[in-house]
């Protein structure tokens, strides 16, 4: 629920990547068996990773889009040969 709330709160464009990083931070702490406040850890992780998370997220999205375009190009090229 926090991930969805923070993603929408960041207008999806600026919120989805930091919220995802914060989600995985909370999940890691749960896996390690630590006692903590979920909201406090989630909020801290969002604030800490907002710029780095958005930069990394959009770079990965750009690379994925380039790979997708390459695949479409080579499929089209294969059909013309």
N, C-alpha and C. Protein backbone atom coordinates (compact mmCIF):
# COMPACT_ATOMS: atom_id res chain seq x y z
N UNK A 1 0.82 -1.19 0.00
CA UNK A 1 0.00 0.00 0.00
C UNK A 1 0.87 1.26 0.00
N UNK A 2 1.97 1.23 0.77
CA UNK A 2 2.86 2.39 0.80
C UNK A 2 3.47 2.64 -0.58
N UNK A 3 3.84 1.56 -1.26
CA UNK A 3 4.44 1.71 -2.58
C UNK A 3 3.46 2.40 -3.52
N UNK A 4 2.23 1.95 -3.52
CA UNK A 4 1.21 2.54 -4.38
C UNK A 4 0.94 4.00 -4.00
N UNK A 5 0.83 4.27 -2.72
CA UNK A 5 0.58 5.62 -2.24
C UNK A 5 1.70 6.58 -2.62
N UNK A 6 2.95 6.17 -2.43
CA UNK A 6 4.08 7.04 -2.75
C UNK A 6 4.29 7.16 -4.26
N UNK A 7 3.98 6.12 -5.02
CA UNK A 7 4.09 6.21 -6.48
C UNK A 7 3.08 7.21 -7.02
N UNK A 8 1.85 7.12 -6.56
CA UNK A 8 0.81 8.05 -7.01
C UNK A 8 1.08 9.44 -6.46
N UNK A 9 1.55 9.51 -5.22
CA UNK A 9 1.87 10.79 -4.61
C UNK A 9 2.98 11.52 -5.34
N UNK A 10 3.89 10.78 -5.95
CA UNK A 10 4.95 11.38 -6.74
C UNK A 10 4.56 11.57 -8.20
N UNK A 11 3.26 11.53 -8.45
CA UNK A 11 2.71 11.68 -9.80
C UNK A 11 3.24 10.60 -10.74
N UNK A 12 3.48 9.43 -10.21
CA UNK A 12 3.99 8.24 -10.89
C UNK A 12 5.31 8.52 -11.57
N UNK A 13 5.42 9.61 -12.31
CA UNK A 13 6.64 9.92 -13.06
C UNK A 13 7.85 10.07 -12.13
N UNK A 14 7.67 10.74 -11.02
CA UNK A 14 8.79 10.99 -10.11
C UNK A 14 8.75 10.11 -8.87
N UNK A 15 7.75 9.27 -8.73
CA UNK A 15 7.60 8.52 -7.50
C UNK A 15 7.82 7.03 -7.59
N UNK A 16 7.70 6.45 -8.77
CA UNK A 16 7.69 4.99 -8.87
C UNK A 16 9.05 4.38 -8.55
N UNK A 17 10.13 4.99 -9.01
CA UNK A 17 11.45 4.39 -8.78
C UNK A 17 11.91 4.54 -7.33
N UNK A 18 11.81 5.71 -6.70
CA UNK A 18 12.18 5.79 -5.28
C UNK A 18 11.27 4.93 -4.39
N UNK A 19 9.99 4.83 -4.74
CA UNK A 19 9.08 4.00 -3.95
C UNK A 19 9.45 2.52 -4.08
N UNK A 20 9.89 2.11 -5.25
CA UNK A 20 10.30 0.73 -5.45
C UNK A 20 11.56 0.42 -4.65
N UNK A 21 12.52 1.34 -4.66
CA UNK A 21 13.73 1.16 -3.86
C UNK A 21 13.38 1.07 -2.38
N UNK A 22 12.48 1.93 -1.91
CA UNK A 22 12.06 1.90 -0.51
C UNK A 22 11.35 0.59 -0.18
N UNK A 23 10.55 0.09 -1.10
CA UNK A 23 9.86 -1.19 -0.88
C UNK A 23 10.87 -2.30 -0.68
N UNK A 24 11.89 -2.35 -1.52
CA UNK A 24 12.90 -3.40 -1.37
C UNK A 24 13.75 -3.21 -0.12
N UNK A 25 13.94 -1.96 0.32
CA UNK A 25 14.63 -1.71 1.58
C UNK A 25 13.85 -2.29 2.75
N UNK A 26 12.55 -2.06 2.76
CA UNK A 26 11.69 -2.60 3.82
C UNK A 26 11.67 -4.13 3.76
N UNK A 27 11.55 -4.69 2.57
CA UNK A 27 11.53 -6.15 2.44
C UNK A 27 12.83 -6.78 2.93
N UNK A 28 13.96 -6.12 2.67
CA UNK A 28 15.25 -6.64 3.13
C UNK A 28 15.31 -6.63 4.65
N UNK A 29 14.82 -5.57 5.27
CA UNK A 29 14.80 -5.51 6.74
C UNK A 29 13.87 -6.57 7.33
N UNK A 30 12.76 -6.83 6.67
CA UNK A 30 11.86 -7.88 7.13
C UNK A 30 12.54 -9.24 7.02
N UNK A 31 13.22 -9.47 5.89
CA UNK A 31 13.92 -10.73 5.68
C UNK A 31 15.01 -10.94 6.72
N UNK A 32 15.70 -9.86 7.10
CA UNK A 32 16.77 -9.95 8.10
C UNK A 32 16.23 -10.09 9.51
N UNK A 33 14.92 -9.96 9.69
CA UNK A 33 14.29 -10.15 10.99
C UNK A 33 14.44 -8.97 11.93
N UNK A 34 14.67 -7.79 11.41
CA UNK A 34 14.85 -6.60 12.24
C UNK A 34 13.50 -6.07 12.71
N UNK A 35 13.49 -5.45 13.88
CA UNK A 35 12.32 -4.75 14.40
C UNK A 35 12.43 -3.29 13.99
N UNK A 36 11.40 -2.75 13.35
CA UNK A 36 11.45 -1.38 12.87
C UNK A 36 10.06 -0.88 12.56
N UNK A 37 9.95 0.43 12.39
CA UNK A 37 8.70 1.05 11.96
C UNK A 37 8.70 1.09 10.43
N UNK A 38 7.75 0.41 9.82
CA UNK A 38 7.72 0.29 8.36
C UNK A 38 7.61 1.67 7.71
N UNK A 39 6.70 2.49 8.21
CA UNK A 39 6.50 3.81 7.62
C UNK A 39 7.76 4.67 7.74
N UNK A 40 8.41 4.64 8.88
CA UNK A 40 9.61 5.45 9.09
C UNK A 40 10.74 5.02 8.16
N UNK A 41 10.97 3.71 8.04
CA UNK A 41 12.03 3.20 7.16
C UNK A 41 11.69 3.49 5.70
N UNK A 42 10.43 3.30 5.33
CA UNK A 42 10.00 3.55 3.95
C UNK A 42 10.20 5.02 3.60
N UNK A 43 9.76 5.92 4.46
CA UNK A 43 9.88 7.35 4.21
C UNK A 43 11.34 7.77 4.11
N UNK A 44 12.19 7.27 5.00
CA UNK A 44 13.61 7.60 4.97
C UNK A 44 14.24 7.11 3.67
N UNK A 45 13.90 5.90 3.24
CA UNK A 45 14.47 5.34 2.00
C UNK A 45 14.01 6.14 0.78
N UNK A 46 12.77 6.59 0.78
CA UNK A 46 12.28 7.41 -0.34
C UNK A 46 13.05 8.72 -0.39
N UNK A 47 13.17 9.39 0.75
CA UNK A 47 13.88 10.68 0.78
C UNK A 47 15.35 10.51 0.38
N UNK A 48 15.97 9.44 0.84
CA UNK A 48 17.40 9.23 0.57
C UNK A 48 17.65 8.91 -0.91
N UNK A 49 16.73 8.24 -1.56
CA UNK A 49 16.97 7.73 -2.91
C UNK A 49 16.17 8.42 -4.00
N UNK A 50 15.58 9.57 -3.72
CA UNK A 50 14.69 10.17 -4.71
C UNK A 50 15.43 10.59 -5.99
N UNK A 51 16.59 11.18 -5.85
CA UNK A 51 17.32 11.64 -7.05
C UNK A 51 18.03 10.46 -7.72
N UNK A 52 18.78 9.69 -6.95
CA UNK A 52 19.50 8.54 -7.52
C UNK A 52 18.53 7.53 -8.11
N UNK A 53 17.43 7.31 -7.42
CA UNK A 53 16.44 6.34 -7.90
C UNK A 53 15.83 6.74 -9.22
N UNK A 54 15.48 8.02 -9.35
CA UNK A 54 14.90 8.48 -10.61
C UNK A 54 15.92 8.44 -11.74
N UNK A 55 17.15 8.84 -11.47
CA UNK A 55 18.18 8.80 -12.52
C UNK A 55 18.40 7.37 -12.98
N UNK A 56 18.63 6.47 -12.03
CA UNK A 56 18.86 5.07 -12.38
C UNK A 56 17.65 4.46 -13.08
N UNK A 57 16.47 4.74 -12.58
CA UNK A 57 15.25 4.19 -13.18
C UNK A 57 15.06 4.63 -14.62
N UNK A 58 15.27 5.90 -14.88
CA UNK A 58 15.07 6.38 -16.25
C UNK A 58 16.18 5.93 -17.19
N UNK A 59 17.39 5.74 -16.68
CA UNK A 59 18.47 5.18 -17.52
C UNK A 59 18.12 3.75 -17.90
N UNK A 60 17.66 2.97 -16.94
CA UNK A 60 17.27 1.58 -17.22
C UNK A 60 16.10 1.54 -18.19
N UNK A 61 15.12 2.43 -18.01
CA UNK A 61 13.99 2.48 -18.95
C UNK A 61 14.45 2.86 -20.36
N UNK A 62 15.38 3.80 -20.47
CA UNK A 62 15.90 4.20 -21.77
C UNK A 62 16.62 3.04 -22.44
N UNK A 63 17.45 2.33 -21.69
CA UNK A 63 18.14 1.18 -22.25
C UNK A 63 17.15 0.10 -22.68
N UNK A 64 16.12 -0.13 -21.90
CA UNK A 64 15.09 -1.10 -22.27
C UNK A 64 14.36 -0.70 -23.54
N UNK A 65 14.06 0.60 -23.66
CA UNK A 65 13.39 1.09 -24.87
C UNK A 65 14.30 0.93 -26.09
N UNK A 66 15.58 1.21 -25.92
CA UNK A 66 16.52 1.04 -27.04
C UNK A 66 16.62 -0.43 -27.46
N UNK A 67 16.66 -1.33 -26.50
CA UNK A 67 16.68 -2.76 -26.84
C UNK A 67 15.40 -3.17 -27.56
N UNK A 68 14.27 -2.65 -27.11
CA UNK A 68 13.00 -2.97 -27.76
C UNK A 68 12.98 -2.48 -29.21
N UNK A 69 13.46 -1.27 -29.43
CA UNK A 69 13.51 -0.72 -30.79
C UNK A 69 14.47 -1.54 -31.65
N UNK A 70 15.60 -1.97 -31.08
CA UNK A 70 16.54 -2.82 -31.82
C UNK A 70 15.89 -4.13 -32.22
N UNK A 71 15.16 -4.73 -31.31
CA UNK A 71 14.48 -5.99 -31.63
C UNK A 71 13.47 -5.78 -32.75
N UNK A 72 12.70 -4.72 -32.68
CA UNK A 72 11.74 -4.43 -33.75
C UNK A 72 12.45 -4.19 -35.08
N UNK A 73 13.56 -3.47 -35.05
CA UNK A 73 14.32 -3.18 -36.26
C UNK A 73 14.83 -4.48 -36.90
N UNK A 74 15.43 -5.35 -36.10
CA UNK A 74 15.98 -6.58 -36.66
C UNK A 74 14.90 -7.54 -37.12
N UNK A 75 13.73 -7.54 -36.47
CA UNK A 75 12.62 -8.34 -36.96
C UNK A 75 12.15 -7.82 -38.32
N UNK A 76 12.09 -6.51 -38.48
CA UNK A 76 11.68 -5.92 -39.74
C UNK A 76 12.74 -6.21 -40.82
N UNK A 77 14.00 -6.12 -40.46
CA UNK A 77 15.08 -6.36 -41.41
C UNK A 77 15.08 -7.81 -41.87
N UNK A 78 14.81 -8.73 -40.95
CA UNK A 78 14.77 -10.15 -41.29
C UNK A 78 13.64 -10.46 -42.26
N UNK A 79 12.52 -9.77 -42.14
CA UNK A 79 11.39 -10.02 -43.03
C UNK A 79 11.66 -9.50 -44.44
N UNK A 80 12.45 -8.43 -44.57
CA UNK A 80 12.72 -7.88 -45.89
C UNK A 80 13.77 -8.68 -46.65
N UNK A 81 14.60 -9.43 -45.95
CA UNK A 81 15.61 -10.26 -46.61
C UNK A 81 14.94 -11.51 -47.13
